[in-house]
Amino acid sequence: MMIDKLDQKLILYLKEDGRRTYMDLAKMLGVTEGTVRNRLKRLVNQGIVKITAITELEKLGYSFMGIVGMQVHLADLRTVANQLAKSPNVCYLVNVTGRYDIIAIILTRTSGEFADFMENVVSIIPGILRTETFVNLNVYKGRGMRIDPTELISNLDVPSSKNP
């Protein structure tokens, strides 16, 4: 899966604004609309590019992010990970090497909601030996990082649409 400079520029322009038309991209890149269409189709088919919406979670009330390192009984690793993965507030979950066995990124509306999550969800999972929590104070780089808030967004309490 190789890309060239044209692919690279196409990706960067789409990263700035994923709603740009083929025509706009063609003008920006100095190529035909068909070239843009074919290039983007190839990049998507090869799994290099995925066109998706980025949700501004803070505007939906989810402004508190905690990163939790967990030491777990290695025999319980998958069970612990599977239980954590069921929670919509756990937006990123990985098995890592080093001091911790699992790292989770947890999004909540407030610090109090995060404390409740730690007490009522994390602390009752058998196999977790110890946790260490890191709270985000400022984000300097990484807005729109690839965390998966799909379940969180799906579980938002939003009013029903009114059909005209």
C-alpha atoms as a PDB file:
ATOM      1  CA  MET A   1       0.000   0.000   0.000  1.00  0.00           C
ATOM      2  CA  MET A   2       1.986   2.908  -1.277  1.00  0.00           C
ATOM      3  CA  ILE A   3       0.854   6.480  -1.639  1.00  0.00           C
ATOM      4  CA  ASP A   4       2.449   9.284  -3.578  1.00  0.00           C
ATOM      5  CA  LYS A   5       2.570  13.068  -3.136  1.00  0.00           C
ATOM      6  CA  LEU A   6      -0.781  13.534  -4.853  1.00  0.00           C
ATOM      7  CA  ASP A   7      -2.401  11.002  -2.511  1.00  0.00           C
ATOM      8  CA  GLN A   8      -0.681  12.690   0.420  1.00  0.00           C
ATOM      9  CA  LYS A   9      -1.993  16.138  -0.564  1.00  0.00           C
ATOM     10  CA  LEU A  10      -5.463  14.696  -1.165  1.00  0.00           C
ATOM     11  CA  ILE A  11      -5.473  13.145   2.308  1.00  0.00           C
ATOM     12  CA  LEU A  12      -4.280  16.380   3.923  1.00  0.00           C
ATOM     13  CA  TYR A  13      -6.934  18.473   2.144  1.00  0.00           C
ATOM     14  CA  LEU A  14      -9.630  16.029   3.220  1.00  0.00           C
ATOM     15  CA  LYS A  15      -8.275  16.054   6.776  1.00  0.00           C
ATOM     16  CA  GLU A  16      -8.805  19.835   6.826  1.00  0.00           C
ATOM     17  CA  ASP A  17     -12.354  19.483   5.483  1.00  0.00           C
ATOM     18  CA  GLY A  18     -13.776  16.058   4.691  1.00  0.00           C
ATOM     19  CA  ARG A  19     -16.789  17.613   2.940  1.00  0.00           C
ATOM     20  CA  ARG A  20     -14.826  19.098   0.049  1.00  0.00           C
ATOM     21  CA  THR A  21     -16.214  18.149  -3.341  1.00  0.00           C
ATOM     22  CA  TYR A  22     -14.275  16.230  -5.972  1.00  0.00           C
ATOM     23  CA  MET A  23     -14.350  19.381  -8.085  1.00  0.00           C
ATOM     24  CA  ASP A  24     -12.882  21.559  -5.309  1.00  0.00           C
ATOM     25  CA  LEU A  25     -10.187  18.979  -4.588  1.00  0.00           C
ATOM     26  CA  ALA A  26      -9.351  18.684  -8.288  1.00  0.00           C
ATOM     27  CA  LYS A  27      -8.867  22.465  -8.558  1.00  0.00           C
ATOM     28  CA  MET A  28      -6.703  22.521  -5.441  1.00  0.00           C
ATOM     29  CA  LEU A  29      -4.563  19.634  -6.686  1.00  0.00           C
ATOM     30  CA  GLY A  30      -4.415  20.705 -10.336  1.00  0.00           C
ATOM     31  CA  VAL A  31      -5.867  17.430 -11.642  1.00  0.00           C
ATOM     32  CA  THR A  32      -9.161  16.265 -13.105  1.00  0.00           C
ATOM     33  CA  GLU A  33     -12.224  15.424 -11.039  1.00  0.00           C
ATOM     34  CA  GLY A  34     -11.984  11.816 -12.279  1.00  0.00           C
ATOM     35  CA  THR A  35      -8.431  11.547 -10.960  1.00  0.00           C
ATOM     36  CA  VAL A  36      -9.562  12.700  -7.513  1.00  0.00           C
ATOM     37  CA  ARG A  37     -12.538  10.316  -7.560  1.00  0.00           C
ATOM     38  CA  ASN A  38     -10.367   7.345  -8.588  1.00  0.00           C
ATOM     39  CA  ARG A  39      -7.599   8.174  -6.110  1.00  0.00           C
ATOM     40  CA  LEU A  40      -9.995   8.564  -3.205  1.00  0.00           C
ATOM     41  CA  LYS A  41     -11.852   5.377  -4.116  1.00  0.00           C
ATOM     42  CA  ARG A  42      -8.534   3.480  -4.145  1.00  0.00           C
ATOM     43  CA  LEU A  43      -7.435   4.987  -0.808  1.00  0.00           C
ATOM     44  CA  VAL A  44     -10.757   4.027   0.791  1.00  0.00           C
ATOM     45  CA  ASN A  45     -10.750   0.515  -0.715  1.00  0.00           C
ATOM     46  CA  GLN A  46      -7.199  -0.080   0.521  1.00  0.00           C
ATOM     47  CA  GLY A  47      -8.205   1.026   4.015  1.00  0.00           C
ATOM     48  CA  ILE A  48      -5.764   3.937   4.024  1.00  0.00           C
ATOM     49  CA  VAL A  49      -8.516   6.554   4.332  1.00  0.00           C
ATOM     50  CA  LYS A  50     -11.828   6.419   6.114  1.00  0.00           C
ATOM     51  CA  ILE A  51     -14.263   9.288   5.712  1.00  0.00           C
ATOM     52  CA  THR A  52     -16.056   9.867   9.003  1.00  0.00           C
ATOM     53  CA  ALA A  53     -17.506  12.561  11.239  1.00  0.00           C
ATOM     54  CA  ILE A  54     -15.525  13.836  14.221  1.00  0.00           C
ATOM     55  CA  THR A  55     -17.729  14.593  17.189  1.00  0.00           C
ATOM     56  CA  GLU A  56     -16.905  17.556  19.413  1.00  0.00           C
ATOM     57  CA  LEU A  57     -17.647  15.749  22.676  1.00  0.00           C
ATOM     58  CA  GLU A  58     -17.167  18.858  24.821  1.00  0.00           C
ATOM     59  CA  LYS A  59     -20.116  20.479  23.040  1.00  0.00           C
ATOM     60  CA  LEU A  60     -22.205  17.453  24.051  1.00  0.00           C
ATOM     61  CA  GLY A  61     -21.206  17.861  27.682  1.00  0.00           C
ATOM     62  CA  TYR A  62     -18.370  15.317  27.869  1.00  0.00           C
ATOM     63  CA  SER A  63     -15.568  17.603  29.000  1.00  0.00           C
ATOM     64  CA  PHE A  64     -13.820  15.393  31.582  1.00  0.00           C
ATOM     65  CA  MET A  65     -11.224  12.894  30.375  1.00  0.00           C
ATOM     66  CA  GLY A  66      -9.381  10.506  32.627  1.00  0.00           C
ATOM     67  CA  ILE A  67      -6.656   8.106  31.609  1.00  0.00           C
ATOM     68  CA  VAL A  68      -6.481   5.071  33.864  1.00  0.00           C
ATOM     69  CA  GLY A  69      -3.566   2.660  34.091  1.00  0.00           C
ATOM     70  CA  MET A  70      -4.538  -0.706  35.555  1.00  0.00           C
ATOM     71  CA  GLN A  71      -2.536  -3.601  36.860  1.00  0.00           C
ATOM     72  CA  VAL A  72      -4.527  -6.803  36.539  1.00  0.00           C
ATOM     73  CA  HIS A  73      -4.128 -10.494  37.212  1.00  0.00           C
ATOM     74  CA  LEU A  74      -2.804 -11.658  33.856  1.00  0.00           C
ATOM     75  CA  ALA A  75      -5.118 -14.688  33.971  1.00  0.00           C
ATOM     76  CA  ASP A  76      -8.049 -12.236  34.150  1.00  0.00           C
ATOM     77  CA  LEU A  77      -6.767  -9.815  31.501  1.00  0.00           C
ATOM     78  CA  ARG A  78      -9.307 -10.618  28.769  1.00  0.00           C
ATOM     79  CA  THR A  79     -12.197 -10.827  31.221  1.00  0.00           C
ATOM     80  CA  VAL A  80     -11.312  -7.430  32.699  1.00  0.00           C
ATOM     81  CA  ALA A  81     -10.874  -5.910  29.226  1.00  0.00           C
ATOM     82  CA  ASN A  82     -14.201  -7.351  28.033  1.00  0.00           C
ATOM     83  CA  GLN A  83     -16.043  -5.930  31.053  1.00  0.00           C
ATOM     84  CA  LEU A  84     -14.475  -2.494  30.633  1.00  0.00           C
ATOM     85  CA  ALA A  85     -15.221  -2.514  26.891  1.00  0.00           C
ATOM     86  CA  LYS A  86     -18.944  -2.862  27.650  1.00  0.00           C
ATOM     87  CA  SER A  87     -19.050   0.590  29.228  1.00  0.00           C
ATOM     88  CA  PRO A  88     -19.922   3.424  26.836  1.00  0.00           C
ATOM     89  CA  ASN A  89     -17.695   5.808  28.826  1.00  0.00           C
ATOM     90  CA  VAL A  90     -14.599   3.731  28.007  1.00  0.00           C
ATOM     91  CA  CYS A  91     -13.651   5.193  24.638  1.00  0.00           C
ATOM     92  CA  TYR A  92     -10.180   3.702  24.257  1.00  0.00           C
ATOM     93  CA  LEU A  93      -8.897   0.491  25.799  1.00  0.00           C
ATOM     94  CA  VAL A  94      -5.546  -1.185  25.195  1.00  0.00           C
ATOM     95  CA  ASN A  95      -3.352  -3.917  26.620  1.00  0.00           C
ATOM     96  CA  VAL A  96       0.150  -2.496  27.113  1.00  0.00           C
ATOM     97  CA  THR A  97       3.595  -3.451  28.327  1.00  0.00           C
ATOM     98  CA  GLY A  98       5.351  -1.860  31.264  1.00  0.00           C
ATOM     99  CA  ARG A  99       4.043  -0.811  34.645  1.00  0.00           C
ATOM    100  CA  TYR A 100       0.385  -1.317  33.678  1.00  0.00           C
ATOM    101  CA  ASP A 101      -1.402  -4.081  31.843  1.00  0.00           C
ATOM    102  CA  ILE A 102      -4.361  -2.040  30.604  1.00  0.00           C
ATOM    103  CA  ILE A 103      -4.753   1.644  29.757  1.00  0.00           C
ATOM    104  CA  ALA A 104      -8.249   3.114  29.381  1.00  0.00           C
ATOM    105  CA  ILE A 105      -9.411   6.551  28.295  1.00  0.00           C
ATOM    106  CA  ILE A 106     -12.662   7.364  30.032  1.00  0.00           C
ATOM    107  CA  LEU A 107     -14.927  10.284  29.136  1.00  0.00           C
ATOM    108  CA  THR A 108     -17.516  11.706  31.509  1.00  0.00           C
ATOM    109  CA  ARG A 109     -19.357  14.972  31.953  1.00  0.00           C
ATOM    110  CA  THR A 110     -17.800  15.913  35.309  1.00  0.00           C
ATOM    111  CA  SER A 111     -15.113  14.877  37.762  1.00  0.00           C
ATOM    112  CA  GLY A 112     -17.876  13.627  40.066  1.00  0.00           C
ATOM    113  CA  GLU A 113     -19.245  11.386  37.324  1.00  0.00           C
ATOM    114  CA  PHE A 114     -15.701  10.102  36.747  1.00  0.00           C
ATOM    115  CA  ALA A 115     -15.311   9.363  40.472  1.00  0.00           C
ATOM    116  CA  ASP A 116     -18.621   7.465  40.423  1.00  0.00           C
ATOM    117  CA  PHE A 117     -17.439   5.509  37.389  1.00  0.00           C
ATOM    118  CA  MET A 118     -14.217   4.516  39.134  1.00  0.00           C
ATOM    119  CA  GLU A 119     -16.082   3.522  42.306  1.00  0.00           C
ATOM    120  CA  ASN A 120     -19.106   1.790  40.787  1.00  0.00           C
ATOM    121  CA  VAL A 121     -17.693   0.287  37.598  1.00  0.00           C
ATOM    122  CA  VAL A 122     -13.926  -0.150  37.789  1.00  0.00           C
ATOM    123  CA  SER A 123     -13.570  -1.046  41.468  1.00  0.00           C
ATOM    124  CA  ILE A 124     -16.063  -3.923  41.286  1.00  0.00           C
ATOM    125  CA  ILE A 125     -14.355  -5.756  38.408  1.00  0.00           C
ATOM    126  CA  PRO A 126     -12.567  -8.819  39.801  1.00  0.00           C
ATOM    127  CA  GLY A 127      -8.959  -9.140  38.652  1.00  0.00           C
ATOM    128  CA  ILE A 128      -8.022  -5.456  38.819  1.00  0.00           C
ATOM    129  CA  LEU A 129      -5.205  -5.225  41.344  1.00  0.00           C
ATOM    130  CA  ARG A 130      -4.406  -1.518  41.227  1.00  0.00           C
ATOM    131  CA  THR A 131      -5.236   1.619  39.275  1.00  0.00           C
ATOM    132  CA  GLU A 132      -3.538   4.927  38.696  1.00  0.00           C
ATOM    133  CA  THR A 133      -5.537   7.822  37.302  1.00  0.00           C
ATOM    134  CA  PHE A 134      -4.312  10.688  35.154  1.00  0.00           C
ATOM    135  CA  VAL A 135      -6.655  13.619  34.539  1.00  0.00           C
ATOM    136  CA  ASN A 136      -6.279  15.782  31.436  1.00  0.00           C
ATOM    137  CA  LEU A 137      -5.755  19.431  32.291  1.00  0.00           C
ATOM    138  CA  ASN A 138      -4.909  20.876  28.856  1.00  0.00           C
ATOM    139  CA  VAL A 139      -4.709  19.394  25.372  1.00  0.00           C
ATOM    140  CA  TYR A 140      -1.886  20.864  23.310  1.00  0.00           C
ATOM    141  CA  LYS A 141      -1.985  18.442  20.417  1.00  0.00           C
ATOM    142  CA  GLY A 142      -4.322  15.690  19.388  1.00  0.00           C
ATOM    143  CA  ARG A 143      -7.818  17.097  18.998  1.00  0.00           C
ATOM    144  CA  GLY A 144      -9.887  14.551  17.209  1.00  0.00           C
ATOM    145  CA  MET A 145      -7.603  11.720  18.242  1.00  0.00           C
ATOM    146  CA  ARG A 146      -8.884   8.331  17.278  1.00  0.00           C
ATOM    147  CA  ILE A 147     -10.926   7.376  20.312  1.00  0.00           C
ATOM    148  CA  ASP A 148     -14.190   5.592  19.812  1.00  0.00           C
ATOM    149  CA  PRO A 149     -17.072   7.528  21.336  1.00  0.00           C
ATOM    150  CA  THR A 150     -19.688   5.660  19.261  1.00  0.00           C
ATOM    151  CA  GLU A 151     -21.454   4.001  22.217  1.00  0.00           C
ATOM    152  CA  LEU A 152     -21.283   7.194  24.237  1.00  0.00           C
ATOM    153  CA  ILE A 153     -22.926   9.164  21.445  1.00  0.00           C
ATOM    154  CA  SER A 154     -25.481   6.384  20.853  1.00  0.00           C
ATOM    155  CA  ASN A 155     -26.463   6.548  24.527  1.00  0.00           C
ATOM    156  CA  LEU A 156     -26.876  10.342  24.664  1.00  0.00           C
ATOM    157  CA  ASP A 157     -30.234  11.425  25.985  1.00  0.00           C
ATOM    158  CA  VAL A 158     -31.466  13.501  23.051  1.00  0.00           C
ATOM    159  CA  PRO A 159     -35.003  14.533  22.122  1.00  0.00           C
ATOM    160  CA  SER A 160     -36.742  12.636  19.337  1.00  0.00           C
ATOM    161  CA  SER A 161     -36.899  14.227  15.887  1.00  0.00           C
ATOM    162  CA  LYS A 162     -40.187  15.765  14.899  1.00  0.00           C
ATOM    163  CA  ASN A 163     -41.348  14.697  11.470  1.00  0.00           C
ATOM    164  CA  PRO A 164     -43.143  17.498   9.571  1.00  0.00           C
END
